[in-house]
Amino acid sequence: MGSLLLGCGRAAATEFSFFLAVPTMLAATVYDIYKNWSVLSFDDFPVIAAGFACAFVAAMLVVKTLIAFVSKNGFAPFAYYRIVVGTVMLILLFARG
């Protein structure tokens, strides 16, 4: 939202938010590998590599789709979706507890 206020387009603002997430995700990955280093072995490498490749391809498709959607429709449908899903999750959380 900050980049929109500064005059960036919707697509650029969305791309920028994803670029901001990359260092956070990288740090979380490095920390998780550090924390679980004793559990990992080289035999796990093919499974980890396949998981990484699948997650990368899926993320690229989702990001590309979201940027195209936001460019065409704006942020309002995405915001309404997030509000509805968040409300449902809170209801489920409180109903469960």
N, C-alpha and C. Protein backbone atom coordinates (compact mmCIF):
# COMPACT_ATOMS: atom_id res chain seq x y z
N MET A 1 0.83 -1.19 0.00
CA MET A 1 0.00 0.00 0.00
C MET A 1 0.88 1.25 0.00
N GLY A 2 2.02 1.16 0.67
CA GLY A 2 2.92 2.31 0.70
C GLY A 2 3.42 2.70 -0.67
N SER A 3 3.75 1.71 -1.49
CA SER A 3 4.24 2.04 -2.83
C SER A 3 3.12 2.58 -3.72
N LEU A 4 1.89 2.15 -3.46
CA LEU A 4 0.76 2.74 -4.19
C LEU A 4 0.61 4.22 -3.83
N LEU A 5 0.78 4.53 -2.55
CA LEU A 5 0.69 5.93 -2.11
C LEU A 5 1.81 6.79 -2.72
N LEU A 6 2.93 6.14 -3.03
CA LEU A 6 4.06 6.86 -3.64
C LEU A 6 3.95 6.94 -5.16
N GLY A 7 2.88 6.40 -5.73
CA GLY A 7 2.64 6.55 -7.16
C GLY A 7 3.01 5.35 -8.01
N CYS A 8 3.41 4.24 -7.42
CA CYS A 8 3.71 3.05 -8.21
C CYS A 8 2.41 2.42 -8.70
N GLY A 9 2.51 1.70 -9.78
CA GLY A 9 1.35 0.98 -10.29
C GLY A 9 1.05 -0.24 -9.45
N ARG A 10 -0.12 -0.81 -9.66
CA ARG A 10 -0.52 -1.98 -8.87
C ARG A 10 0.40 -3.17 -9.09
N ALA A 11 0.78 -3.42 -10.35
CA ALA A 11 1.66 -4.56 -10.63
C ALA A 11 3.03 -4.36 -9.99
N ALA A 12 3.58 -3.16 -10.10
CA ALA A 12 4.89 -2.89 -9.50
C ALA A 12 4.84 -3.01 -7.99
N ALA A 13 3.77 -2.52 -7.37
CA ALA A 13 3.63 -2.62 -5.92
C ALA A 13 3.54 -4.07 -5.47
N THR A 14 2.82 -4.89 -6.24
CA THR A 14 2.69 -6.31 -5.90
C THR A 14 4.03 -7.02 -6.07
N GLU A 15 4.72 -6.76 -7.16
CA GLU A 15 6.04 -7.37 -7.37
C GLU A 15 7.00 -6.97 -6.27
N PHE A 16 6.97 -5.69 -5.88
CA PHE A 16 7.86 -5.20 -4.84
C PHE A 16 7.60 -5.92 -3.51
N SER A 17 6.33 -6.16 -3.20
CA SER A 17 6.02 -6.86 -1.95
C SER A 17 6.56 -8.28 -1.96
N PHE A 18 6.53 -8.94 -3.11
CA PHE A 18 7.11 -10.27 -3.20
C PHE A 18 8.63 -10.22 -3.09
N PHE A 19 9.25 -9.21 -3.69
CA PHE A 19 10.70 -9.07 -3.56
C PHE A 19 11.11 -8.83 -2.12
N LEU A 20 10.28 -8.11 -1.37
CA LEU A 20 10.58 -7.89 0.04
C LEU A 20 10.49 -9.18 0.85
N ALA A 21 9.69 -10.11 0.40
CA ALA A 21 9.53 -11.37 1.13
C ALA A 21 10.72 -12.31 0.94
N VAL A 22 11.48 -12.16 -0.13
CA VAL A 22 12.57 -13.08 -0.43
C VAL A 22 13.62 -13.15 0.68
N PRO A 23 14.15 -12.03 1.20
CA PRO A 23 15.14 -12.14 2.27
C PRO A 23 14.58 -12.80 3.53
N THR A 24 13.34 -12.55 3.84
CA THR A 24 12.73 -13.16 5.02
C THR A 24 12.62 -14.67 4.85
N MET A 25 12.17 -15.11 3.68
CA MET A 25 12.06 -16.54 3.44
C MET A 25 13.43 -17.21 3.40
N LEU A 26 14.42 -16.52 2.83
CA LEU A 26 15.77 -17.07 2.80
C LEU A 26 16.32 -17.22 4.21
N ALA A 27 16.13 -16.21 5.05
CA ALA A 27 16.61 -16.27 6.43
C ALA A 27 15.91 -17.39 7.20
N ALA A 28 14.62 -17.56 6.99
CA ALA A 28 13.88 -18.62 7.67
C ALA A 28 14.38 -19.99 7.22
N THR A 29 14.68 -20.14 5.95
CA THR A 29 15.20 -21.40 5.43
C THR A 29 16.56 -21.72 6.01
N VAL A 30 17.45 -20.73 6.02
CA VAL A 30 18.80 -20.94 6.58
C VAL A 30 18.71 -21.29 8.06
N TYR A 31 17.84 -20.59 8.78
CA TYR A 31 17.68 -20.88 10.21
C TYR A 31 17.14 -22.29 10.43
N ASP A 32 16.17 -22.71 9.63
CA ASP A 32 15.61 -24.04 9.77
C ASP A 32 16.64 -25.12 9.45
N ILE A 33 17.44 -24.90 8.43
CA ILE A 33 18.51 -25.86 8.10
C ILE A 33 19.53 -25.91 9.23
N TYR A 34 19.89 -24.76 9.78
CA TYR A 34 20.84 -24.71 10.90
C TYR A 34 20.28 -25.46 12.11
N LYS A 35 19.01 -25.24 12.41
CA LYS A 35 18.38 -25.84 13.57
C LYS A 35 18.25 -27.35 13.42
N ASN A 36 18.03 -27.84 12.20
CA ASN A 36 17.81 -29.26 11.97
C ASN A 36 18.99 -29.95 11.28
N TRP A 37 20.15 -29.35 11.36
CA TRP A 37 21.33 -29.88 10.66
C TRP A 37 21.63 -31.32 11.06
N SER A 38 21.45 -31.66 12.34
CA SER A 38 21.78 -33.01 12.81
C SER A 38 20.83 -34.06 12.25
N VAL A 39 19.66 -33.68 11.83
CA VAL A 39 18.68 -34.62 11.31
C VAL A 39 18.88 -34.86 9.81
N LEU A 40 19.47 -33.91 9.11
CA LEU A 40 19.64 -34.01 7.66
C LEU A 40 20.81 -34.90 7.29
N SER A 41 20.67 -35.58 6.17
CA SER A 41 21.78 -36.35 5.61
C SER A 41 21.82 -36.11 4.10
N PHE A 42 22.92 -36.47 3.49
CA PHE A 42 23.05 -36.26 2.05
C PHE A 42 22.06 -37.12 1.28
N ASP A 43 21.60 -38.20 1.88
CA ASP A 43 20.60 -39.05 1.22
C ASP A 43 19.26 -38.33 1.04
N ASP A 44 19.03 -37.29 1.84
CA ASP A 44 17.80 -36.51 1.73
C ASP A 44 17.85 -35.47 0.61
N PHE A 45 19.02 -35.25 0.03
CA PHE A 45 19.19 -34.20 -0.95
C PHE A 45 18.24 -34.31 -2.15
N PRO A 46 18.06 -35.48 -2.76
CA PRO A 46 17.13 -35.55 -3.91
C PRO A 46 15.69 -35.15 -3.55
N VAL A 47 15.24 -35.55 -2.38
CA VAL A 47 13.88 -35.21 -1.96
C VAL A 47 13.77 -33.70 -1.70
N ILE A 48 14.77 -33.14 -1.04
CA ILE A 48 14.78 -31.70 -0.77
C ILE A 48 14.86 -30.91 -2.07
N ALA A 49 15.69 -31.36 -3.01
CA ALA A 49 15.81 -30.67 -4.30
C ALA A 49 14.51 -30.74 -5.09
N ALA A 50 13.85 -31.89 -5.08
CA ALA A 50 12.57 -32.02 -5.79
C ALA A 50 11.52 -31.13 -5.14
N GLY A 51 11.48 -31.09 -3.82
CA GLY A 51 10.55 -30.21 -3.12
C GLY A 51 10.81 -28.76 -3.42
N PHE A 52 12.08 -28.37 -3.45
CA PHE A 52 12.45 -26.99 -3.78
C PHE A 52 12.00 -26.64 -5.19
N ALA A 53 12.27 -27.53 -6.14
CA ALA A 53 11.90 -27.26 -7.54
C ALA A 53 10.38 -27.14 -7.70
N CYS A 54 9.63 -28.04 -7.08
CA CYS A 54 8.17 -27.97 -7.17
C CYS A 54 7.63 -26.71 -6.51
N ALA A 55 8.16 -26.36 -5.35
CA ALA A 55 7.72 -25.14 -4.66
C ALA A 55 8.06 -23.90 -5.47
N PHE A 56 9.22 -23.90 -6.11
CA PHE A 56 9.63 -22.75 -6.92
C PHE A 56 8.69 -22.56 -8.11
N VAL A 57 8.40 -23.65 -8.81
CA VAL A 57 7.52 -23.57 -9.98
C VAL A 57 6.11 -23.14 -9.56
N ALA A 58 5.61 -23.73 -8.48
CA ALA A 58 4.27 -23.37 -8.00
C ALA A 58 4.23 -21.90 -7.58
N ALA A 59 5.26 -21.44 -6.89
CA ALA A 59 5.30 -20.03 -6.45
C ALA A 59 5.35 -19.09 -7.64
N MET A 60 6.12 -19.43 -8.66
CA MET A 60 6.19 -18.57 -9.84
C MET A 60 4.84 -18.48 -10.53
N LEU A 61 4.14 -19.60 -10.64
CA LEU A 61 2.82 -19.59 -11.27
C LEU A 61 1.82 -18.76 -10.45
N VAL A 62 1.85 -18.93 -9.14
CA VAL A 62 0.92 -18.20 -8.28
C VAL A 62 1.21 -16.71 -8.31
N VAL A 63 2.49 -16.34 -8.22
CA VAL A 63 2.86 -14.92 -8.23
C VAL A 63 2.48 -14.29 -9.57
N LYS A 64 2.76 -14.98 -10.66
CA LYS A 64 2.42 -14.45 -11.98
C LYS A 64 0.91 -14.27 -12.11
N THR A 65 0.15 -15.25 -11.64
CA THR A 65 -1.31 -15.17 -11.69
C THR A 65 -1.82 -14.03 -10.83
N LEU A 66 -1.28 -13.89 -9.61
CA LEU A 66 -1.73 -12.83 -8.72
C LEU A 66 -1.41 -11.45 -9.29
N ILE A 67 -0.23 -11.28 -9.86
CA ILE A 67 0.13 -9.98 -10.44
C ILE A 67 -0.79 -9.65 -11.62
N ALA A 68 -1.09 -10.63 -12.45
CA ALA A 68 -2.02 -10.40 -13.56
C ALA A 68 -3.41 -10.05 -13.04
N PHE A 69 -3.85 -10.74 -12.00
CA PHE A 69 -5.17 -10.48 -11.44
C PHE A 69 -5.23 -9.08 -10.83
N VAL A 70 -4.21 -8.72 -10.06
CA VAL A 70 -4.20 -7.39 -9.42
C VAL A 70 -4.09 -6.29 -10.46
N SER A 71 -3.34 -6.52 -11.52
CA SER A 71 -3.22 -5.51 -12.58
C SER A 71 -4.55 -5.24 -13.25
N LYS A 72 -5.34 -6.29 -13.42
CA LYS A 72 -6.62 -6.17 -14.12
C LYS A 72 -7.75 -5.73 -13.18
N ASN A 73 -7.79 -6.26 -11.96
CA ASN A 73 -8.94 -6.07 -11.08
C ASN A 73 -8.69 -5.18 -9.87
N GLY A 74 -7.44 -4.85 -9.58
CA GLY A 74 -7.15 -4.07 -8.39
C GLY A 74 -7.04 -4.96 -7.15
N PHE A 75 -6.92 -4.33 -6.00
CA PHE A 75 -6.71 -5.07 -4.75
C PHE A 75 -8.01 -5.39 -4.03
N ALA A 76 -9.13 -4.77 -4.40
CA ALA A 76 -10.37 -4.95 -3.64
C ALA A 76 -10.83 -6.41 -3.57
N PRO A 77 -10.90 -7.17 -4.68
CA PRO A 77 -11.34 -8.57 -4.56
C PRO A 77 -10.39 -9.39 -3.67
N PHE A 78 -9.10 -9.13 -3.79
CA PHE A 78 -8.12 -9.84 -2.97
C PHE A 78 -8.31 -9.48 -1.50
N ALA A 79 -8.58 -8.22 -1.21
CA ALA A 79 -8.81 -7.79 0.17
C ALA A 79 -10.06 -8.43 0.74
N TYR A 80 -11.16 -8.46 -0.03
CA TYR A 80 -12.39 -9.10 0.44
C TYR A 80 -12.16 -10.59 0.70
N TYR A 81 -11.45 -11.24 -0.19
CA TYR A 81 -11.13 -12.65 -0.01
C TYR A 81 -10.36 -12.86 1.29
N ARG A 82 -9.35 -12.03 1.55
CA ARG A 82 -8.56 -12.16 2.77
C ARG A 82 -9.40 -11.92 4.01
N ILE A 83 -10.31 -10.96 3.95
CA ILE A 83 -11.17 -10.68 5.10
C ILE A 83 -12.09 -11.87 5.38
N VAL A 84 -12.69 -12.43 4.33
CA VAL A 84 -13.58 -13.58 4.51
C VAL A 84 -12.82 -14.78 5.06
N VAL A 85 -11.68 -15.10 4.47
CA VAL A 85 -10.90 -16.26 4.92
C VAL A 85 -10.41 -16.04 6.35
N GLY A 86 -9.95 -14.84 6.66
CA GLY A 86 -9.50 -14.55 8.02
C GLY A 86 -10.62 -14.68 9.03
N THR A 87 -11.80 -14.20 8.68
CA THR A 87 -12.96 -14.31 9.58
C THR A 87 -13.34 -15.77 9.80
N VAL A 88 -13.36 -16.55 8.73
CA VAL A 88 -13.67 -17.98 8.85
C VAL A 88 -12.63 -18.67 9.73
N MET A 89 -11.37 -18.36 9.55
CA MET A 89 -10.32 -18.98 10.37
C MET A 89 -10.46 -18.61 11.84
N LEU A 90 -10.78 -17.35 12.12
CA LEU A 90 -10.99 -16.95 13.52
C LEU A 90 -12.18 -17.66 14.13
N ILE A 91 -13.26 -17.79 13.38
CA ILE A 91 -14.44 -18.51 13.87
C ILE A 91 -14.08 -19.96 14.18
N LEU A 92 -13.36 -20.60 13.27
CA LEU A 92 -12.95 -21.99 13.49
C LEU A 92 -12.02 -22.10 14.69
N LEU A 93 -11.13 -21.16 14.84
CA LEU A 93 -10.20 -21.18 15.96
C LEU A 93 -10.93 -21.06 17.29
N PHE A 94 -11.87 -20.12 17.38
CA PHE A 94 -12.59 -19.92 18.63
C PHE A 94 -13.62 -21.02 18.87
N ALA A 95 -14.18 -21.61 17.84
CA ALA A 95 -15.15 -22.69 17.99
C ALA A 95 -14.46 -23.97 18.46
N ARG A 96 -13.23 -24.13 18.08
CA ARG A 96 -12.47 -25.32 18.42
C ARG A 96 -11.99 -25.30 19.87
N GLY A 97 -11.66 -24.09 20.36
CA GLY A 97 -11.06 -23.94 21.68
C GLY A 97 -12.06 -23.91 22.76
